Every structure is written in C-alpha cells, then in structure tokens.
Amino acid sequence: MLFDGMNKAAPYSTCECCAKPSALCGLADFSRGGADHLAGCKVDPYFGTSIYYHRCEQCGFIHAPAFDEWTPNDFSEHIYTRLTNGKILTTPSRGQMPTHG
C-alpha cells in the first residue's frame, strides 16, 4: 500500500543532490497543506501519517524520502489540487478549500 511504512524514518539518509549525509530535521502530518497555510491554522482533519524531512549537512537540500518511490500519478492523486468548475479543490479525501480571488 502507498502509505505503508511512512510513519518510520531513519535518523540519516543520503542527500539526493550531493550524496552527503542528511539528518532528520522535522516532520508534518500528511494532511498539512495550502488550506492550513492560508487560514493560519489547521483546517483539514489529520491524516495520521507523518512525513519526515531530512536536511543535507553539506548543501542544505531538504527532502522527504517517503515520496522517493511515488509516481507522477501518485502525486496527482494524493497531493496536488485541481480546478473544477471554478473552485479549487484538494484531493477528494481532504475536502474543499476556499477560493481566493
């Protein structure tokens, strides 16, 4: 399953840019998104899956290894918003974001 194993993270990974060590630097719930940012508070319900971020000690690149195996279709289906009938929608499991104009 796509989300299996995402709630686990090694303390270090390898940087995808320079191949140097990347230390665990933070995490966020998978549900954190643009609606939360625009509102300045948590809007969407928590998904319950943590996304861990690693920061390269050499070049500063930040990445989330949980997404390394995702396909473009996985991103399209589970993350990116889309415009439908003039309204900006999040993925179906996350509800609707307000439009700003």
Protein backbone atom coordinates (compact mmCIF):
# COMPACT_ATOMS: atom_id res chain seq x y z
CA MET A 1 0.00 0.00 0.00
CA LEU A 2 1.15 3.52 -0.80
CA PHE A 3 1.26 4.82 2.79
CA ASP A 4 2.72 1.71 4.45
CA GLY A 5 5.96 2.42 6.25
CA MET A 6 5.67 6.20 6.01
CA ASN A 7 5.44 6.59 9.81
CA LYS A 8 9.03 5.37 10.13
CA ALA A 9 12.22 7.28 9.43
CA ALA A 10 15.91 6.64 9.79
CA PRO A 11 17.86 9.36 11.62
CA TYR A 12 20.00 9.85 8.49
CA SER A 13 19.54 9.41 4.76
CA THR A 14 21.67 10.28 1.74
CA CYS A 15 21.23 13.62 0.01
CA GLU A 16 19.68 13.31 -3.45
CA CYS A 17 21.75 16.26 -4.69
CA CYS A 18 25.29 15.74 -3.36
CA ALA A 19 25.20 12.23 -1.76
CA LYS A 20 26.30 13.56 1.65
CA PRO A 21 24.55 12.66 4.95
CA SER A 22 21.14 14.21 5.57
CA ALA A 23 19.90 14.37 9.15
CA LEU A 24 16.29 14.10 10.22
CA CYS A 25 15.12 17.69 10.72
CA GLY A 26 11.35 17.60 11.16
CA LEU A 27 8.01 16.09 10.35
CA ALA A 28 4.48 17.08 9.39
CA ASP A 29 1.20 15.21 9.11
CA PHE A 30 0.42 14.20 5.52
CA SER A 31 -2.73 16.35 5.66
CA ARG A 32 -0.82 19.61 6.10
CA GLY A 33 -1.45 21.71 3.04
CA GLY A 34 -2.23 25.01 1.47
CA ALA A 35 -5.60 25.46 3.20
CA ASP A 36 -3.85 25.31 6.59
CA HIS A 37 -1.27 27.84 5.44
CA LEU A 38 -3.88 30.26 4.05
CA ALA A 39 -6.04 30.02 7.19
CA GLY A 40 -3.10 30.28 9.59
CA CYS A 41 -4.35 27.22 11.48
CA LYS A 42 -5.18 23.55 10.98
CA VAL A 43 -8.19 23.29 8.65
CA ASP A 44 -8.23 19.79 7.21
CA PRO A 45 -8.56 16.76 9.52
CA TYR A 46 -5.36 14.96 10.45
CA PHE A 47 -4.49 12.06 8.14
CA GLY A 48 -2.46 10.20 10.77
CA THR A 49 0.62 9.61 8.65
CA SER A 50 3.80 11.55 9.40
CA ILE A 51 6.08 12.77 6.63
CA TYR A 52 9.68 13.01 7.82
CA TYR A 53 12.08 15.54 6.35
CA HIS A 54 15.86 15.28 6.13
CA ARG A 55 18.26 18.21 5.62
CA CYS A 56 21.62 17.71 3.97
CA GLU A 57 24.52 18.69 6.21
CA GLN A 58 26.58 19.75 3.17
CA CYS A 59 24.29 21.58 0.71
CA GLY A 60 21.14 22.20 2.81
CA PHE A 61 18.75 20.41 0.45
CA ILE A 62 15.61 19.26 2.27
CA HIS A 63 13.79 16.15 1.10
CA ALA A 64 11.14 13.69 2.22
CA PRO A 65 12.33 10.14 1.48
CA ALA A 66 8.74 8.89 1.90
CA PHE A 67 8.00 10.17 -1.59
CA ASP A 68 11.04 8.68 -3.34
CA GLU A 69 9.07 5.80 -4.83
CA TRP A 70 5.96 7.80 -5.76
CA THR A 71 4.96 8.12 -9.41
CA PRO A 72 3.66 11.34 -11.00
CA ASN A 73 0.20 9.75 -10.83
CA ASP A 74 0.59 9.17 -7.07
CA PHE A 75 1.35 12.87 -6.57
CA SER A 76 -1.54 13.89 -8.80
CA GLU A 77 -3.99 11.64 -6.97
CA HIS A 78 -2.93 12.28 -3.37
CA ILE A 79 -1.36 15.74 -3.15
CA TYR A 80 -1.94 18.28 -5.90
CA THR A 81 -5.06 20.41 -6.02
CA ARG A 82 -7.11 20.80 -9.15
CA LEU A 83 -9.51 23.35 -10.57
CA THR A 84 -13.06 22.03 -11.02
CA ASN A 85 -15.97 24.24 -12.07
CA GLY A 86 -14.10 27.36 -10.99
CA LYS A 87 -13.40 26.07 -7.48
CA ILE A 88 -10.04 24.96 -6.15
CA LEU A 89 -10.38 21.50 -4.65
CA THR A 90 -7.93 19.44 -2.66
CA THR A 91 -7.79 15.71 -3.19
CA PRO A 92 -11.19 14.04 -2.58
CA SER A 93 -10.22 12.70 0.84
CA ARG A 94 -9.32 16.18 2.09
CA GLY A 95 -12.42 18.24 1.26
CA GLN A 96 -12.69 21.63 -0.37
CA MET A 97 -10.50 24.70 0.01
CA PRO A 98 -11.97 28.19 -0.26
CA THR A 99 -11.26 30.08 -3.47
CA HIS A 100 -9.46 33.39 -3.23
CA GLY A 101 -9.79 35.96 -5.91
